[in-house]
């Protein structure tokens, strides 16, 4: 339980207040809020498109290719390309880099018949790290396209498992401590963990296919397909994983999560309309 101590209860001689640090950018120290204000002012002075174009130029999304559209269902493909020749995409801290496809298929009345890449109420995609999927409240998005490279750790026994953080997990109630013999700073990870890399190499590409079953279609064509390649700073489940340590400036986990979701960017968008070709029996 958090408790507060009044100033009258503190024993000892009264201390004089320390001088406040200067608020201006030329001072030796800045108050945290003043430092943030300076950074925000600099960011607002830059065109917002500078940041969007940086990611936009690193990827390319081809047009939607329809591979099947008949009475058995609808199938289509999207090819995502790495438009750089210097490194994989995503790059950097790839275990927390969110780049995914949000795809929606609607009929002529606007009814959603298929959706992949949508977010749960927390702001996570519906993968195995979504708390709503983990708790059985939402189904797993089996057709999700994501370029996030997740951590895979070794257990005390058995095989490996995906983790939000690169921390070994014990499947038994026994204490499991396996200190590394070498500094983790040399590898950027613990030796008992690795990355399941999902990025696209320089000048490479990856094609992802979607399948809409016949039972999901309403028969009210034409159907409209909209696919958006999106990017986010980190997954919200990371916020849930580290929130016990607290956040700077008294921000709550909910505030952090809302800020992460509000920062999602649409890098590329493609749309297409399709009619189903229904084969009829020969009257002869």
Protein backbone atom coordinates (compact mmCIF):
# COMPACT_ATOMS: atom_id res chain seq x y z
CA UNK A 1 0.00 0.00 0.00
CA UNK A 2 1.37 3.42 -0.88
CA UNK A 3 1.69 5.83 2.09
CA UNK A 4 2.53 9.48 2.29
CA UNK A 5 4.52 11.13 5.08
CA UNK A 6 3.64 14.66 6.08
CA UNK A 7 6.40 17.22 6.42
CA UNK A 8 5.65 17.66 10.13
CA UNK A 9 6.48 14.01 10.82
CA UNK A 10 10.01 14.26 9.46
CA UNK A 11 12.52 14.63 12.28
CA UNK A 12 15.72 16.61 12.14
CA UNK A 13 16.58 20.22 11.34
CA UNK A 14 14.66 21.92 8.58
CA UNK A 15 16.59 22.05 5.32
CA UNK A 16 16.50 25.00 2.98
CA UNK A 17 14.96 24.42 -0.40
CA UNK A 18 17.39 23.76 -3.22
CA UNK A 19 17.49 26.34 -6.00
CA UNK A 20 15.32 25.44 -8.96
CA UNK A 21 17.21 24.54 -12.14
CA UNK A 22 16.73 26.91 -15.05
CA UNK A 23 13.96 26.12 -17.51
CA UNK A 24 15.65 27.50 -20.58
CA UNK A 25 17.47 25.30 -23.10
CA UNK A 26 20.77 27.04 -22.26
CA UNK A 27 20.73 26.06 -18.58
CA UNK A 28 22.92 23.34 -17.14
CA UNK A 29 19.88 21.30 -16.15
CA UNK A 30 16.30 21.24 -17.30
CA UNK A 31 13.23 20.21 -15.46
CA UNK A 32 11.79 17.01 -17.06
CA UNK A 33 8.67 18.81 -18.24
CA UNK A 34 10.70 21.65 -19.72
CA UNK A 35 12.93 19.17 -21.52
CA UNK A 36 9.90 17.46 -23.03
CA UNK A 37 8.48 20.83 -24.08
CA UNK A 38 11.70 21.63 -25.92
CA UNK A 39 11.66 18.28 -27.73
CA UNK A 40 8.01 18.65 -28.69
CA UNK A 41 8.65 22.13 -30.03
CA UNK A 42 11.44 20.78 -32.24
CA UNK A 43 9.26 17.93 -33.52
CA UNK A 44 6.36 20.26 -34.28
CA UNK A 45 8.70 22.47 -36.26
CA UNK A 46 9.41 19.58 -38.64
CA UNK A 47 6.92 18.54 -41.30
CA UNK A 48 4.91 15.54 -40.15
CA UNK A 49 5.42 13.93 -43.53
CA UNK A 50 9.17 13.61 -42.91
CA UNK A 51 8.59 10.75 -40.50
CA UNK A 52 5.89 9.10 -42.60
CA UNK A 53 7.98 9.31 -45.77
CA UNK A 54 10.95 7.67 -44.04
CA UNK A 55 8.94 4.48 -43.50
CA UNK A 56 6.98 4.88 -46.73
CA UNK A 57 10.18 4.83 -48.79
CA UNK A 58 11.39 1.67 -47.09
CA UNK A 59 8.47 -0.46 -48.29
CA UNK A 60 6.43 -1.03 -51.42
CA UNK A 61 3.03 -2.69 -51.63
CA UNK A 62 2.04 -4.14 -55.01
CA UNK A 63 -1.50 -4.08 -56.34
CA UNK A 64 -4.00 -6.65 -55.12
CA UNK A 65 -3.92 -9.80 -57.24
CA UNK A 66 -7.14 -11.83 -57.39
CA UNK A 67 -6.33 -15.53 -57.68
CA UNK A 68 -9.86 -16.94 -57.30
CA UNK A 69 -13.32 -15.39 -57.36
CA UNK A 70 -16.08 -17.94 -57.90
CA UNK A 71 -18.80 -19.82 -56.03
CA UNK A 72 -16.15 -21.63 -53.94
CA UNK A 73 -14.92 -18.40 -52.37
CA UNK A 74 -12.50 -15.52 -52.82
CA UNK A 75 -8.72 -15.63 -52.78
CA UNK A 76 -6.24 -12.81 -53.34
CA UNK A 77 -2.58 -12.01 -52.75
CA UNK A 78 -0.49 -9.01 -51.78
CA UNK A 79 3.26 -8.67 -52.31
CA UNK A 80 5.25 -6.53 -49.88
CA UNK A 81 8.71 -5.43 -51.01
CA UNK A 82 11.77 -4.11 -49.26
CA UNK A 83 12.49 -0.94 -51.21
CA UNK A 84 15.94 -0.47 -49.69
CA UNK A 85 19.26 -2.05 -50.62
CA UNK A 86 20.98 -1.53 -47.29
CA UNK A 87 19.20 -3.57 -44.61
CA UNK A 88 16.20 -5.67 -43.74
CA UNK A 89 12.81 -4.16 -43.04
CA UNK A 90 11.83 -3.66 -40.32
CA UNK A 91 15.22 -2.79 -38.87
CA UNK A 92 16.56 -1.83 -35.46
CA UNK A 93 14.94 -3.46 -32.42
CA UNK A 94 13.00 -5.89 -34.61
CA UNK A 95 11.47 -7.80 -31.70
CA UNK A 96 9.24 -4.83 -30.93
CA UNK A 97 8.86 -3.34 -34.42
CA UNK A 98 5.23 -3.55 -35.52
CA UNK A 99 4.63 -3.69 -39.29
CA UNK A 100 1.49 -5.53 -40.35
CA UNK A 101 -1.30 -5.68 -42.90
CA UNK A 102 -4.85 -4.60 -42.10
CA UNK A 103 -7.16 -6.12 -44.71
CA UNK A 104 -10.94 -5.71 -44.91
CA UNK A 105 -13.43 -7.19 -47.40
CA UNK A 106 -16.93 -5.71 -47.58
CA UNK A 107 -19.97 -6.39 -49.76
CA UNK A 108 -21.85 -3.74 -51.74
CA UNK A 109 -23.86 -2.75 -48.64
CA UNK A 110 -20.71 -2.15 -46.60
CA UNK A 111 -21.06 -5.26 -44.46
CA UNK A 112 -17.68 -6.60 -43.35
CA UNK A 113 -17.36 -10.23 -44.47
CA UNK A 114 -13.65 -10.65 -43.69
CA UNK A 115 -11.07 -8.77 -41.64
CA UNK A 116 -7.47 -9.50 -40.70
CA UNK A 117 -5.00 -7.25 -38.92
CA UNK A 118 -7.62 -5.53 -36.77
CA UNK A 119 -6.85 -4.62 -33.14
CA UNK A 120 -8.22 -5.99 -29.90
CA UNK A 121 -9.58 -3.54 -27.27
CA UNK A 122 -6.07 -3.14 -25.84
CA UNK A 123 -4.65 -2.13 -29.23
CA UNK A 124 -2.83 -5.38 -30.07
CA UNK A 125 -3.24 -7.41 -33.25
CA UNK A 126 -4.96 -10.72 -32.60
CA UNK A 127 -1.80 -12.85 -32.42
CA UNK A 128 -0.60 -15.21 -29.69
CA UNK A 129 0.57 -12.27 -27.55
CA UNK A 130 -2.84 -10.61 -27.43
CA UNK A 131 -4.28 -10.88 -23.92
CA UNK A 132 -7.78 -11.16 -25.39
CA UNK A 133 -6.70 -14.09 -27.57
CA UNK A 134 -4.77 -15.65 -24.68
CA UNK A 135 -7.87 -15.45 -22.46
CA UNK A 136 -10.15 -16.91 -25.15
CA UNK A 137 -12.19 -13.70 -25.53
CA UNK A 138 -11.24 -13.18 -29.19
CA UNK A 139 -10.23 -15.68 -31.88
CA UNK A 140 -6.67 -15.94 -33.17
CA UNK A 141 -6.10 -14.10 -36.44
CA UNK A 142 -4.87 -17.09 -38.46
CA UNK A 143 -4.37 -15.06 -41.66
CA UNK A 144 -2.44 -12.20 -40.04
CA UNK A 145 0.53 -10.83 -41.97
CA UNK A 146 3.11 -9.39 -39.57
CA UNK A 147 6.81 -8.63 -39.88
CA UNK A 148 7.43 -8.56 -36.12
CA UNK A 149 10.33 -10.82 -35.11
CA UNK A 150 9.38 -12.28 -31.74
CA UNK A 151 11.62 -13.55 -28.98
CA UNK A 152 11.92 -17.31 -28.60
CA UNK A 153 13.33 -18.62 -25.30
CA UNK A 154 14.49 -22.01 -24.03
CA UNK A 155 12.54 -23.55 -21.18
CA UNK A 156 13.99 -25.46 -18.26
CA UNK A 157 12.76 -28.59 -20.03
CA UNK A 158 11.15 -29.30 -23.36
CA UNK A 159 11.42 -27.05 -26.39
CA UNK A 160 11.07 -23.30 -26.91
CA UNK A 161 8.26 -20.78 -26.62
CA UNK A 162 7.54 -17.25 -27.79
CA UNK A 163 7.99 -14.50 -25.21
CA UNK A 164 7.23 -10.78 -25.15
CA UNK A 165 10.54 -10.23 -23.34
CA UNK A 166 13.73 -12.25 -23.70
CA UNK A 167 13.43 -13.85 -20.27
CA UNK A 168 13.60 -17.61 -19.78
CA UNK A 169 10.39 -19.20 -18.57
CA UNK A 170 9.97 -22.27 -16.39
CA UNK A 171 6.99 -24.50 -17.13
CA UNK A 172 7.24 -25.92 -13.58
CA UNK A 173 6.63 -24.13 -10.25
CA UNK A 174 10.31 -24.57 -9.36
CA UNK A 175 12.59 -21.56 -9.32
CA UNK A 176 14.41 -21.28 -12.64
CA UNK A 177 17.57 -19.18 -12.71
CA UNK A 178 20.09 -19.59 -15.46
CA UNK A 179 22.56 -16.69 -15.35
CA UNK A 180 24.51 -16.09 -18.52
CA UNK A 181 28.28 -16.68 -18.34
CA UNK A 182 28.89 -13.68 -20.61
CA UNK A 183 27.52 -10.10 -20.59
CA UNK A 184 24.28 -9.81 -22.51
CA UNK A 185 25.47 -6.45 -23.86
CA UNK A 186 27.83 -8.32 -26.21
CA UNK A 187 24.95 -10.13 -27.91
CA UNK A 188 22.07 -7.72 -27.36
CA UNK A 189 20.07 -10.58 -25.87
CA UNK A 190 20.27 -13.31 -23.27
CA UNK A 191 22.03 -16.45 -24.47
CA UNK A 192 18.94 -18.52 -23.71
CA UNK A 193 16.86 -16.51 -26.19
CA UNK A 194 16.84 -15.79 -29.90
CA UNK A 195 14.85 -13.90 -32.50
CA UNK A 196 12.51 -15.62 -34.89
CA UNK A 197 13.33 -13.27 -37.75
CA UNK A 198 10.43 -12.28 -39.96
CA UNK A 199 11.89 -9.28 -41.78
CA UNK A 200 12.33 -8.91 -45.52
CA UNK A 201 15.95 -8.78 -46.80
CA UNK A 202 17.26 -5.91 -48.98
CA UNK A 203 15.49 -5.76 -52.35
CA UNK A 204 13.50 -8.82 -51.32
CA UNK A 205 9.77 -9.43 -51.22
CA UNK A 206 7.14 -11.56 -49.54
CA UNK A 207 3.75 -12.56 -50.90
CA UNK A 208 0.87 -13.16 -48.52
CA UNK A 209 -2.37 -14.81 -49.54
CA UNK A 210 -5.85 -14.37 -48.08
CA UNK A 211 -8.74 -16.80 -48.30
CA UNK A 212 -12.38 -15.82 -47.81
CA UNK A 213 -14.56 -18.90 -47.51
CA UNK A 214 -17.81 -19.24 -49.37
CA UNK A 215 -19.72 -19.36 -46.08
CA UNK A 216 -18.43 -15.88 -45.19
CA UNK A 217 -19.73 -14.26 -48.39
CA UNK A 218 -23.17 -12.66 -48.42
CA UNK A 219 -23.88 -12.98 -52.15
CA UNK A 220 -24.18 -9.20 -52.44
CA UNK A 221 -21.35 -8.35 -54.81
CA UNK A 222 -19.30 -6.70 -56.01
CA UNK A 223 -16.96 -7.09 -53.04
CA UNK A 224 -14.52 -4.36 -52.07
CA UNK A 225 -11.03 -5.19 -50.78
CA UNK A 226 -8.97 -2.64 -48.88
CA UNK A 227 -5.46 -3.49 -47.64
CA UNK A 228 -3.32 -1.15 -45.56
CA UNK A 229 0.31 -1.73 -44.61
CA UNK A 230 0.65 -0.22 -41.15
CA UNK A 231 3.52 0.48 -38.77
CA UNK A 232 3.62 1.04 -35.02
CA UNK A 233 6.30 1.92 -32.50
CA UNK A 234 5.84 -1.08 -30.19
CA UNK A 235 3.08 -3.62 -29.48
CA UNK A 236 0.77 -2.73 -26.61
CA UNK A 237 1.49 -6.09 -24.96
CA UNK A 238 5.00 -4.77 -24.23
CA UNK A 239 3.40 -2.00 -22.16
CA UNK A 240 1.44 -4.63 -20.21
CA UNK A 241 4.63 -6.63 -19.65
CA UNK A 242 6.70 -3.79 -18.19
CA UNK A 243 4.03 -1.69 -16.47
CA UNK A 244 4.97 -3.06 -13.02
CA UNK A 245 8.14 -0.97 -13.19
CA UNK A 246 6.11 2.20 -13.72
CA UNK A 247 6.46 4.96 -16.31
CA UNK A 248 8.01 8.40 -16.28
CA UNK A 249 6.02 11.55 -15.57
CA UNK A 250 3.31 9.57 -13.72
CA UNK A 251 1.81 8.31 -16.98
CA UNK A 252 -0.55 5.35 -16.62
CA UNK A 253 -0.29 2.19 -18.76
CA UNK A 254 -3.58 3.16 -20.41
CA UNK A 255 -2.15 6.55 -21.42
CA UNK A 256 0.93 4.90 -22.87
CA UNK A 257 -1.17 2.33 -24.76
CA UNK A 258 -3.46 5.00 -26.22
CA UNK A 259 -0.43 7.00 -27.34
CA UNK A 260 1.07 3.93 -29.03
CA UNK A 261 -2.16 3.21 -30.93
CA UNK A 262 -2.62 6.87 -31.89
CA UNK A 263 0.88 6.76 -33.39
CA UNK A 264 0.10 3.96 -35.86
CA UNK A 265 0.84 5.00 -39.43
CA UNK A 266 -0.55 3.78 -42.74
CA UNK A 267 2.43 3.34 -45.08
CA UNK A 268 0.68 1.96 -48.14
CA UNK A 269 -2.91 1.33 -49.15
CA UNK A 270 -4.40 -0.71 -51.99
CA UNK A 271 -8.03 -1.25 -52.99
CA UNK A 272 -9.85 -3.44 -55.50
CA UNK A 273 -13.40 -4.45 -56.45
CA UNK A 274 -14.22 -7.99 -57.49
CA UNK A 275 -17.25 -9.86 -58.75
CA UNK A 276 -17.67 -13.58 -58.22
CA UNK A 277 -17.86 -15.69 -61.36
CA UNK A 278 -20.54 -18.25 -60.63
CA UNK A 279 -20.42 -21.25 -62.91
CA UNK A 280 -23.83 -22.54 -63.98
CA UNK A 281 -24.63 -26.06 -65.10
CA UNK A 282 -25.05 -26.76 -68.83
CA UNK A 283 -28.83 -26.97 -69.47
CA UNK A 284 -28.20 -29.69 -72.01
